[in-house]
Amino acid sequence: MTFPKYGASTDDVRDALSGTDAEYILVTTDTDADITGIEAAAVRMSEEMQKSGAGIVYSDLFRRTSGTDILTPLSDWQTGSVRDDFDFGSLMLVSRSAVCHYLSLALTGFRFAGFYQFWLAISEKYDIRRIPEPLYTVVETDLRASGQKQFDYVNPRNREVQIEMEAACTEHLKRIGAYLAPDSYKRIDTEAEGTFGMTASVIIPVRNRVRTIRDAVMSALSQQADFDFNVIVIDNHSTDGTTGIIRETALSDPRVIHLIPERADLGIGGCWDMAIRDSRCGRYAVQLDSDDMYSGPDTLARIVSKFREEQCAMVIGSYRMCDFQLQTLPPGIISHSEWTDGNGPNNALRINGLGAPRAFYTPVVRKVGFPNVSYGEDYAVGIAISGEYRIGRIFDELYLCRRWDGNSDAALSPERIAANNTYKDSLRTAEIIKRIDRNR
């Protein structure tokens, strides 16, 4: 039977599953997909299910693109795999006992999130097992690069679907004891802790961005505020001329602090950690990627004002997707409106990013620390903060996110996509376990 990832209603799923008493049910999530090797895949999956007692079994696959079969490893499912875009491939096998468990639950009816709700419910009682072998081949129809696909979930046209996905995830978190009630977070006096020479610091980690680094630094220096701020640029051993540009701007403006790590093994997170622990870092540490820019001269002032107004430990703004010439790209402004005061900390576990620009209250982010990775470092800190402290949101455009062929995530391999997803799922797993323990 077929259940589209983002189009199956609760009634559709329940009616289809209620109409069969088969021991194993093969489900495809790609409507009208051209799949070869289905029968052999079903046999191998059923063998694994008998051996493991899992409720759902899925496998790696080949995706045929322009006549070439590309090995596509998937991520292992784990407790934190609660994002609604978790990739099971095109086929999964479901056990009858898992189906009976699902049917026994009185679940809320959805128009679009029925399939997501279905596998979340099964995961609460049964193991979900991946076979690390490519068992079948599917002809790929979405030929966009990874950098284009990754923002589909925040497209305003998908807002109604996203609301349902949020509700399904929230129900799941309540059932497993990981739900955070509204206003359960701490508010802090952001002016009371520690002595800082600067009110704010703009943090720019960079490696080999000779085409964009000057724009980023000048965007930071052009901020207009009634407080002191500096710009900390962590030059991670650039070799393309970036270092010379930073050195030049630092000589012309004393607000620019040029740091070069002694270590050669730092990722973006490691560079961030170095910056926030520097004695010259301000009370508020504000993100600016080396190929992006602030939308206007008031971005920094608005962020600091939000910290003070809401006594929050983190502030997240909204950004506009644009090309290298700053012309708007679809889907335009990304505000992450799925973040609400009542449910933001819970919904943060479902989505793959929290928005930009991101800013941190330095005493708190020093306690949390950045992992030394170059993917997901901001998300790691964000969900850790969201489980304990208030996060302030600004839904107006503050930031220009430039998409170009030099972006590090412009076109990722299937192996890298799986590794990135596995890492973020591990962060969610740790946070869910922490929240369950705290609720107990």
Protein backbone atom coordinates (compact mmCIF):
# COMPACT_ATOMS: atom_id res chain seq x y z
CA MET A 1 0.00 0.00 0.00
CA THR A 2 1.05 3.59 -0.58
CA PHE A 3 1.07 6.47 1.91
CA PRO A 4 2.50 9.78 0.64
CA LYS A 5 4.76 11.41 3.22
CA TYR A 6 2.86 14.68 3.26
CA GLY A 7 -0.59 13.83 1.96
CA ALA A 8 -2.06 10.90 3.87
CA SER A 9 -4.85 11.61 6.33
CA THR A 10 -5.28 9.74 9.59
CA ASP A 11 -8.48 8.19 8.23
CA ASP A 12 -6.72 7.06 5.03
CA VAL A 13 -4.00 5.30 7.00
CA ARG A 14 -6.37 3.70 9.53
CA ASP A 15 -8.83 2.53 6.87
CA ALA A 16 -6.10 0.97 4.72
CA LEU A 17 -4.47 -0.82 7.63
CA SER A 18 -7.78 -1.97 9.13
CA GLY A 19 -8.61 -3.70 5.87
CA THR A 20 -5.75 -6.20 5.98
CA ASP A 21 -4.72 -8.98 8.34
CA ALA A 22 -1.41 -9.75 6.60
CA GLU A 23 1.48 -10.58 8.88
CA TYR A 24 3.72 -8.08 7.09
CA ILE A 25 2.63 -4.99 5.16
CA LEU A 26 4.85 -3.43 2.53
CA VAL A 27 4.43 0.33 2.34
CA THR A 28 5.76 2.68 -0.31
CA THR A 29 6.02 6.40 0.35
CA ASP A 30 6.63 7.41 -3.27
CA THR A 31 3.39 7.66 -5.21
CA ASP A 32 3.78 6.50 -8.83
CA ALA A 33 7.48 5.74 -8.24
CA ASP A 34 9.33 3.45 -10.65
CA ILE A 35 10.85 0.89 -8.26
CA THR A 36 12.71 -2.29 -9.22
CA GLY A 37 13.65 -5.13 -6.89
CA ILE A 38 10.53 -4.85 -4.72
CA GLU A 39 9.95 -8.59 -4.23
CA ALA A 40 13.54 -9.37 -3.23
CA ALA A 41 13.56 -6.35 -0.91
CA ALA A 42 10.36 -7.53 0.78
CA VAL A 43 11.83 -10.99 1.38
CA ARG A 44 15.02 -9.56 2.91
CA MET A 45 13.07 -7.12 5.08
CA SER A 46 10.75 -9.87 6.34
CA GLU A 47 13.77 -11.98 7.31
CA GLU A 48 15.16 -9.06 9.32
CA MET A 49 11.78 -8.44 10.93
CA GLN A 50 11.43 -12.07 12.02
CA LYS A 51 14.94 -12.03 13.47
CA SER A 52 14.73 -8.66 15.25
CA GLY A 53 11.07 -8.32 16.20
CA ALA A 54 11.13 -4.78 14.84
CA GLY A 55 7.91 -2.95 14.05
CA ILE A 56 9.31 -1.28 10.93
CA VAL A 57 12.17 -2.35 8.69
CA TYR A 58 13.63 -0.23 5.88
CA SER A 59 16.85 -0.31 3.87
CA ASP A 60 19.38 1.62 1.84
CA LEU A 61 18.72 1.90 -1.89
CA PHE A 62 19.98 2.97 -5.27
CA ARG A 63 18.55 6.16 -6.72
CA ARG A 64 18.74 6.22 -10.52
CA THR A 65 19.58 9.71 -11.74
CA SER A 66 20.00 10.39 -15.47
CA GLY A 67 20.61 6.70 -16.06
CA THR A 68 23.19 6.32 -13.29
CA ASP A 69 22.49 4.29 -10.13
CA ILE A 70 23.70 6.20 -7.08
CA LEU A 71 24.14 4.32 -3.81
CA THR A 72 22.03 6.10 -1.19
CA PRO A 73 22.73 5.11 2.41
CA LEU A 74 20.08 6.24 4.88
CA SER A 75 20.29 7.13 8.56
CA ASP A 76 19.64 4.67 11.36
CA TRP A 77 16.45 5.51 13.21
CA GLN A 78 16.95 6.60 16.83
CA THR A 79 14.86 8.15 19.60
CA GLY A 80 15.62 11.61 18.29
CA SER A 81 14.55 10.82 14.72
CA VAL A 82 11.34 12.80 15.16
CA ARG A 83 11.76 15.17 12.21
CA ASP A 84 8.90 14.75 9.76
CA ASP A 85 11.28 14.45 6.80
CA PHE A 86 13.03 11.34 8.17
CA ASP A 87 13.97 9.34 5.08
CA PHE A 88 12.86 5.70 5.08
CA GLY A 89 13.57 5.45 1.37
CA SER A 90 10.73 4.35 -0.89
CA LEU A 91 9.87 1.06 0.85
CA MET A 92 9.28 -0.04 4.41
CA LEU A 93 7.91 -3.24 5.90
CA VAL A 94 5.54 -2.97 8.87
CA SER A 95 4.64 -5.84 11.21
CA ARG A 96 1.04 -6.75 11.98
CA SER A 97 1.63 -6.36 15.72
CA ALA A 98 2.89 -2.80 15.17
CA VAL A 99 -0.17 -2.03 13.08
CA CYS A 100 -2.44 -3.37 15.84
CA HIS A 101 -0.68 -1.13 18.35
CA TYR A 102 -1.22 1.87 16.11
CA LEU A 103 -4.89 1.05 15.54
CA SER A 104 -5.45 0.68 19.29
CA LEU A 105 -4.50 4.31 19.91
CA ALA A 106 -7.15 7.04 19.80
CA LEU A 107 -5.17 9.45 17.63
CA THR A 108 -6.21 12.90 16.45
CA GLY A 109 -7.39 13.07 12.85
CA PHE A 110 -5.09 14.84 10.39
CA ARG A 111 -5.52 15.71 6.73
CA PHE A 112 -1.82 15.62 5.82
CA ALA A 113 0.19 14.20 8.73
CA GLY A 114 -1.38 10.75 8.93
CA PHE A 115 1.73 8.84 7.82
CA TYR A 116 4.04 10.82 10.10
CA GLN A 117 1.68 10.22 13.01
CA PHE A 118 1.60 6.51 12.11
CA TRP A 119 5.33 5.81 12.34
CA LEU A 120 5.82 8.04 15.37
CA ALA A 121 3.20 6.01 17.24
CA ILE A 122 4.85 2.72 16.25
CA SER A 123 8.26 3.98 17.40
CA GLU A 124 6.90 4.43 20.93
CA LYS A 125 6.63 0.66 21.40
CA TYR A 126 8.62 -1.04 18.63
CA ASP A 127 12.12 -0.90 17.27
CA ILE A 128 12.60 0.64 13.82
CA ARG A 129 15.41 -1.17 12.03
CA ARG A 130 17.50 -0.15 9.03
CA ILE A 131 19.18 -2.75 6.83
CA PRO A 132 22.46 -1.16 5.65
CA GLU A 133 22.20 -2.75 2.21
CA PRO A 134 20.77 -1.30 -1.04
CA LEU A 135 17.84 -3.66 -1.59
CA TYR A 136 16.09 -1.91 -4.48
CA THR A 137 16.35 0.87 -7.05
CA VAL A 138 14.04 3.86 -7.52
CA VAL A 139 14.12 6.31 -10.40
CA GLU A 140 14.79 9.77 -8.95
CA THR A 141 12.35 12.45 -10.07
CA ASP A 142 13.51 15.36 -7.91
CA LEU A 143 16.81 16.29 -9.48
CA ARG A 144 17.47 19.43 -7.43
CA ALA A 145 20.71 19.72 -5.44
CA SER A 146 20.65 19.35 -1.66
CA GLY A 147 21.08 23.09 -1.18
CA GLN A 148 17.78 23.69 -3.00
CA LYS A 149 15.77 20.94 -1.30
CA GLN A 150 16.68 21.79 2.28
CA PHE A 151 14.35 24.79 2.56
CA ASP A 152 11.17 23.09 1.29
CA TYR A 153 9.79 22.67 4.78
CA VAL A 154 9.72 26.43 5.46
CA ASN A 155 8.02 27.37 2.20
CA PRO A 156 4.94 29.42 3.17
CA ARG A 157 2.89 27.35 0.72
CA ASN A 158 3.41 24.36 3.00
CA ARG A 159 2.26 26.18 6.16
CA GLU A 160 -0.95 24.17 6.65
CA VAL A 161 0.98 20.92 6.38
CA GLN A 162 3.60 22.16 8.83
CA ILE A 163 0.96 23.02 11.44
CA GLU A 164 -0.29 19.44 11.33
CA MET A 165 3.22 18.02 11.52
CA GLU A 166 3.86 20.15 14.59
CA ALA A 167 0.68 18.85 16.25
CA ALA A 168 1.60 15.22 15.48
CA CYS A 169 5.11 15.66 16.91
CA THR A 170 3.76 17.41 20.01
CA GLU A 171 1.35 14.53 20.67
CA HIS A 172 4.26 12.11 20.37
CA LEU A 173 6.42 14.09 22.81
CA LYS A 174 3.56 14.12 25.31
CA ARG A 175 3.12 10.34 25.03
CA ILE A 176 6.82 9.65 25.66
CA GLY A 177 7.13 12.23 28.46
CA ALA A 178 9.41 14.69 26.65
CA TYR A 179 6.92 17.54 26.25
CA LEU A 180 7.77 20.92 27.75
CA ALA A 181 4.82 22.92 29.04
CA PRO A 182 4.46 26.57 27.98
CA ASP A 183 6.41 29.05 30.09
CA SER A 184 8.43 26.27 31.75
CA TYR A 185 11.67 27.99 30.78
CA LYS A 186 13.85 30.30 32.82
CA ARG A 187 14.03 34.02 32.26
CA ILE A 188 17.32 35.68 33.09
CA ASP A 189 18.51 39.16 33.93
CA THR A 190 20.75 39.64 30.93
CA GLU A 191 22.44 42.71 32.40
CA ALA A 192 23.28 41.22 35.79
CA GLU A 193 25.83 38.47 35.15
CA GLY A 194 29.51 39.22 34.59
CA THR A 195 31.44 42.27 33.42
CA PHE A 196 31.94 42.79 29.70
CA GLY A 197 33.96 45.41 27.88
CA MET A 198 31.52 45.31 24.96
CA THR A 199 27.76 45.02 24.85
CA ALA A 200 27.79 42.86 21.71
CA SER A 201 30.15 40.99 19.42
CA VAL A 202 29.44 39.93 15.86
CA ILE A 203 31.04 36.49 15.37
CA ILE A 204 32.26 35.54 11.87
CA PRO A 205 34.04 32.18 11.46
CA VAL A 206 35.65 31.99 8.02
CA ARG A 207 37.84 29.82 5.84
CA ASN A 208 38.58 30.67 2.20
CA ARG A 209 35.81 33.16 1.46
CA VAL A 210 37.82 35.74 -0.46
CA ARG A 211 34.77 36.68 -2.55
CA THR A 212 32.46 37.38 0.38
CA ILE A 213 34.34 38.14 3.60
CA ARG A 214 34.71 41.87 2.97
CA ASP A 215 30.94 42.21 2.43
CA ALA A 216 30.25 40.35 5.67
CA VAL A 217 32.68 42.38 7.79
CA MET A 218 31.53 45.72 6.35
CA SER A 219 27.91 44.71 6.96
CA ALA A 220 28.76 44.16 10.61
CA LEU A 221 30.74 47.39 10.94
CA SER A 222 27.88 49.39 9.39
CA GLN A 223 25.55 48.57 12.29
CA GLN A 224 24.18 51.62 14.08
CA ALA A 225 23.69 51.22 17.83
CA ASP A 226 23.82 53.23 21.05
CA PHE A 227 26.18 50.68 22.61
CA ASP A 228 29.73 49.49 21.97
CA PHE A 229 30.26 46.43 19.79
CA ASN A 230 33.10 44.69 18.02
CA VAL A 231 33.49 42.17 15.20
CA ILE A 232 35.40 38.97 15.99
CA VAL A 233 36.58 37.21 12.83
CA ILE A 234 38.00 33.73 13.37
CA ASP A 235 40.15 33.09 10.33
CA ASN A 236 40.46 29.31 10.21
CA HIS A 237 43.78 29.18 8.30
CA SER A 238 42.51 30.57 5.00
CA THR A 239 44.75 30.10 1.97
CA ASP A 240 42.96 32.08 -0.77
CA GLY A 241 43.54 35.72 0.20
CA THR A 242 40.85 35.92 2.86
CA THR A 243 43.47 36.52 5.57
CA GLY A 244 44.80 39.62 3.82
CA ILE A 245 41.33 41.16 3.56
CA ILE A 246 40.64 40.59 7.26
CA ARG A 247 44.05 41.99 8.23
CA GLU A 248 43.39 45.08 6.11
CA THR A 249 39.98 45.75 7.69
CA ALA A 250 41.39 45.18 11.20
CA LEU A 251 44.10 47.77 10.57
CA SER A 252 41.56 50.31 9.33
CA ASP A 253 38.99 49.75 12.12
CA PRO A 254 39.98 48.78 15.70
CA ARG A 255 36.57 47.18 16.22
CA VAL A 256 37.69 44.25 14.06
CA ILE A 257 39.43 41.51 16.06
CA HIS A 258 41.30 39.07 13.82
CA LEU A 259 41.80 35.67 15.45
CA ILE A 260 43.73 32.79 13.90
CA PRO A 261 43.44 29.55 15.90
CA GLU A 262 46.62 27.84 17.00
CA ARG A 263 44.94 24.53 16.25
CA ALA A 264 44.39 23.35 12.70
CA ASP A 265 41.57 20.94 13.51
CA LEU A 266 38.73 23.32 14.37
CA GLY A 267 35.38 23.16 12.65
CA ILE A 268 32.90 26.01 12.58
CA GLY A 269 31.71 25.11 16.06
CA GLY A 270 35.25 25.06 17.38
CA CYS A 271 35.82 28.54 15.95
CA TRP A 272 32.62 29.76 17.60
CA ASP A 273 33.73 28.31 20.92
CA MET A 274 37.05 30.08 20.61
CA ALA A 275 35.29 33.40 19.95
CA ILE A 276 32.79 33.26 22.82
CA ARG A 277 35.55 32.40 25.31
CA ASP A 278 37.78 35.25 24.19
CA SER A 279 38.00 37.97 26.85
CA ARG A 280 36.96 40.58 24.28
CA CYS A 281 33.66 38.87 23.47
CA GLY A 282 30.66 41.03 24.36
CA ARG A 283 27.68 40.23 26.57
CA TYR A 284 25.76 39.15 23.47
CA ALA A 285 27.38 37.05 20.71
CA VAL A 286 25.64 37.52 17.35
CA GLN A 287 26.10 35.26 14.33
CA LEU A 288 27.06 36.35 10.83
CA ASP A 289 28.21 33.73 8.33
CA SER A 290 31.14 34.68 6.13
CA ASP A 291 29.08 34.67 2.92
CA ASP A 292 26.02 36.47 4.33
CA MET A 293 25.08 40.03 5.30
CA TYR A 294 22.73 41.85 7.64
CA SER A 295 19.65 43.31 5.95
CA GLY A 296 20.06 46.77 7.43
CA PRO A 297 22.01 48.87 9.91
CA ASP A 298 19.58 48.22 12.77
CA THR A 299 19.91 44.40 12.98
CA LEU A 300 22.31 44.39 15.93
CA ALA A 301 20.33 46.99 17.89
CA ARG A 302 17.07 45.09 17.42
CA ILE A 303 18.64 41.85 18.63
CA VAL A 304 20.08 43.42 21.78
CA SER A 305 16.76 45.12 22.47
CA LYS A 306 14.99 41.75 22.26
CA PHE A 307 17.41 40.23 24.79
CA ARG A 308 16.69 43.01 27.24
CA GLU A 309 12.92 43.08 26.71
CA GLU A 310 12.29 39.34 27.06
CA GLN A 311 15.13 38.26 29.39
CA CYS A 312 16.01 35.44 27.00
CA ALA A 313 19.21 33.45 26.56
CA MET A 314 19.02 33.33 22.76
CA VAL A 315 17.46 35.42 20.01
CA ILE A 316 16.68 34.19 16.51
CA GLY A 317 15.70 36.47 13.63
CA SER A 318 14.38 35.95 10.11
CA TYR A 319 16.26 35.91 6.83
CA ARG A 320 15.71 36.35 3.13
CA MET A 321 17.05 33.85 0.62
CA CYS A 322 18.93 35.64 -2.15
CA ASP A 323 21.53 35.05 -4.82
CA PHE A 324 25.03 36.48 -4.91
CA GLN A 325 23.65 39.78 -6.27
CA LEU A 326 21.12 39.92 -3.40
CA GLN A 327 18.13 39.17 -5.65
CA THR A 328 15.41 37.23 -3.81
CA LEU A 329 15.25 33.46 -4.34
CA PRO A 330 12.30 31.19 -3.52
CA PRO A 331 10.87 30.83 -0.93
CA GLY A 332 11.90 34.40 -0.06
CA ILE A 333 11.70 35.41 3.59
CA ILE A 334 12.09 32.52 6.03
CA SER A 335 10.70 33.53 9.41
CA HIS A 336 10.31 30.11 11.01
CA SER A 337 6.83 31.11 12.09
CA GLU A 338 6.39 27.57 13.40
CA TRP A 339 8.22 28.83 16.48
CA THR A 340 5.65 30.02 19.02
CA ASP A 341 6.05 30.96 22.66
CA GLY A 342 3.67 28.17 23.61
CA ASN A 343 5.26 25.34 21.62
CA GLY A 344 8.58 26.50 20.18
CA PRO A 345 10.82 24.35 22.42
CA ASN A 346 8.85 21.24 21.41
CA ASN A 347 8.67 22.07 17.74
CA ALA A 348 12.41 22.73 17.71
CA LEU A 349 12.89 18.96 17.88
CA ARG A 350 10.91 18.42 14.66
CA ILE A 351 12.58 20.94 12.37
CA ASN A 352 16.11 20.88 11.00
CA GLY A 353 17.05 24.48 11.77
CA LEU A 354 16.01 27.35 14.01
CA GLY A 355 16.60 30.34 11.72
CA ALA A 356 19.05 33.22 11.41
CA PRO A 357 20.62 35.35 12.58
CA ARG A 358 21.23 33.53 15.85
CA ALA A 359 22.43 35.40 18.90
CA PHE A 360 23.42 34.15 22.34
CA TYR A 361 23.67 35.54 25.84
CA THR A 362 27.37 34.91 26.37
CA PRO A 363 27.32 33.66 30.01
CA VAL A 364 24.79 30.96 29.04
CA VAL A 365 26.39 29.92 25.76
CA ARG A 366 29.74 29.59 27.53
CA LYS A 367 28.13 27.06 29.87
CA VAL A 368 26.60 25.12 26.96
CA GLY A 369 29.61 25.30 24.65
CA PHE A 370 29.82 24.66 20.91
CA PRO A 371 30.67 21.20 19.58
CA ASN A 372 33.70 21.13 17.28
CA VAL A 373 31.80 20.29 14.11
CA SER A 374 31.04 22.16 10.88
CA TYR A 375 27.42 21.11 10.58
CA GLY A 376 24.67 21.41 13.18
CA GLU A 377 26.82 23.29 15.70
CA ASP A 378 24.24 26.08 15.96
CA TYR A 379 21.35 23.62 16.21
CA ALA A 380 23.14 21.75 19.01
CA VAL A 381 23.40 24.91 21.09
CA GLY A 382 19.90 26.09 20.16
CA ILE A 383 17.98 23.01 21.26
CA ALA A 384 20.07 22.75 24.44
CA ILE A 385 19.14 26.33 25.32
CA SER A 386 15.49 25.83 24.28
CA GLY A 387 15.05 23.05 26.82
CA GLU A 388 15.86 25.36 29.70
CA TYR A 389 15.74 29.04 28.75
CA ARG A 390 13.50 31.39 26.84
CA ILE A 391 14.37 32.04 23.18
CA GLY A 392 13.26 35.39 21.76
CA ARG A 393 12.07 35.58 18.16
CA ILE A 394 12.09 38.44 15.65
CA PHE A 395 9.89 37.59 12.68
CA ASP A 396 10.93 40.54 10.49
CA GLU A 397 13.77 40.27 7.99
CA LEU A 398 17.16 40.93 9.60
CA TYR A 399 19.55 38.89 7.47
CA LEU A 400 20.47 38.10 3.87
CA CYS A 401 21.29 34.43 3.28
CA ARG A 402 23.21 34.27 0.03
CA ARG A 403 22.97 31.02 -1.93
CA TRP A 404 25.76 30.41 -4.42
CA ASP A 405 27.96 27.59 -5.66
CA GLY A 406 30.47 28.30 -2.91
CA ASN A 407 28.06 27.39 -0.09
CA SER A 408 29.29 24.41 1.90
CA ASP A 409 25.87 22.71 1.60
CA ALA A 410 25.17 23.56 -2.05
CA ALA A 411 25.38 19.97 -3.34
CA LEU A 412 26.00 17.26 -0.77
CA SER A 413 26.56 13.58 -1.49
CA PRO A 414 24.04 10.99 -0.19
CA GLU A 415 26.66 9.82 2.31
CA ARG A 416 27.14 13.33 3.67
CA ILE A 417 23.39 13.97 3.87
CA ALA A 418 22.93 10.75 5.87
CA ALA A 419 25.82 11.62 8.18
CA ASN A 420 24.47 15.13 8.77
CA ASN A 421 20.98 13.82 9.52
CA THR A 422 22.36 11.17 11.86
CA TYR A 423 24.28 13.81 13.78
CA LYS A 424 21.29 16.09 14.25
CA ASP A 425 19.13 13.11 15.25
CA SER A 426 21.73 12.27 17.90
CA LEU A 427 21.42 15.81 19.26
CA ARG A 428 17.64 15.39 19.43
CA THR A 429 18.04 12.02 21.12
CA ALA A 430 20.20 13.50 23.86
CA GLU A 431 17.80 16.42 24.35
CA ILE A 432 14.71 14.17 24.45
CA ILE A 433 16.32 11.92 27.06
CA LYS A 434 17.28 14.99 29.10
CA ARG A 435 13.72 16.33 28.94
CA ILE A 436 12.19 12.98 29.90
CA ASP A 437 14.49 12.77 32.90
CA ARG A 438 13.69 16.33 33.89
CA ASN A 439 9.94 15.76 33.63
CA ARG A 440 10.23 12.68 35.84
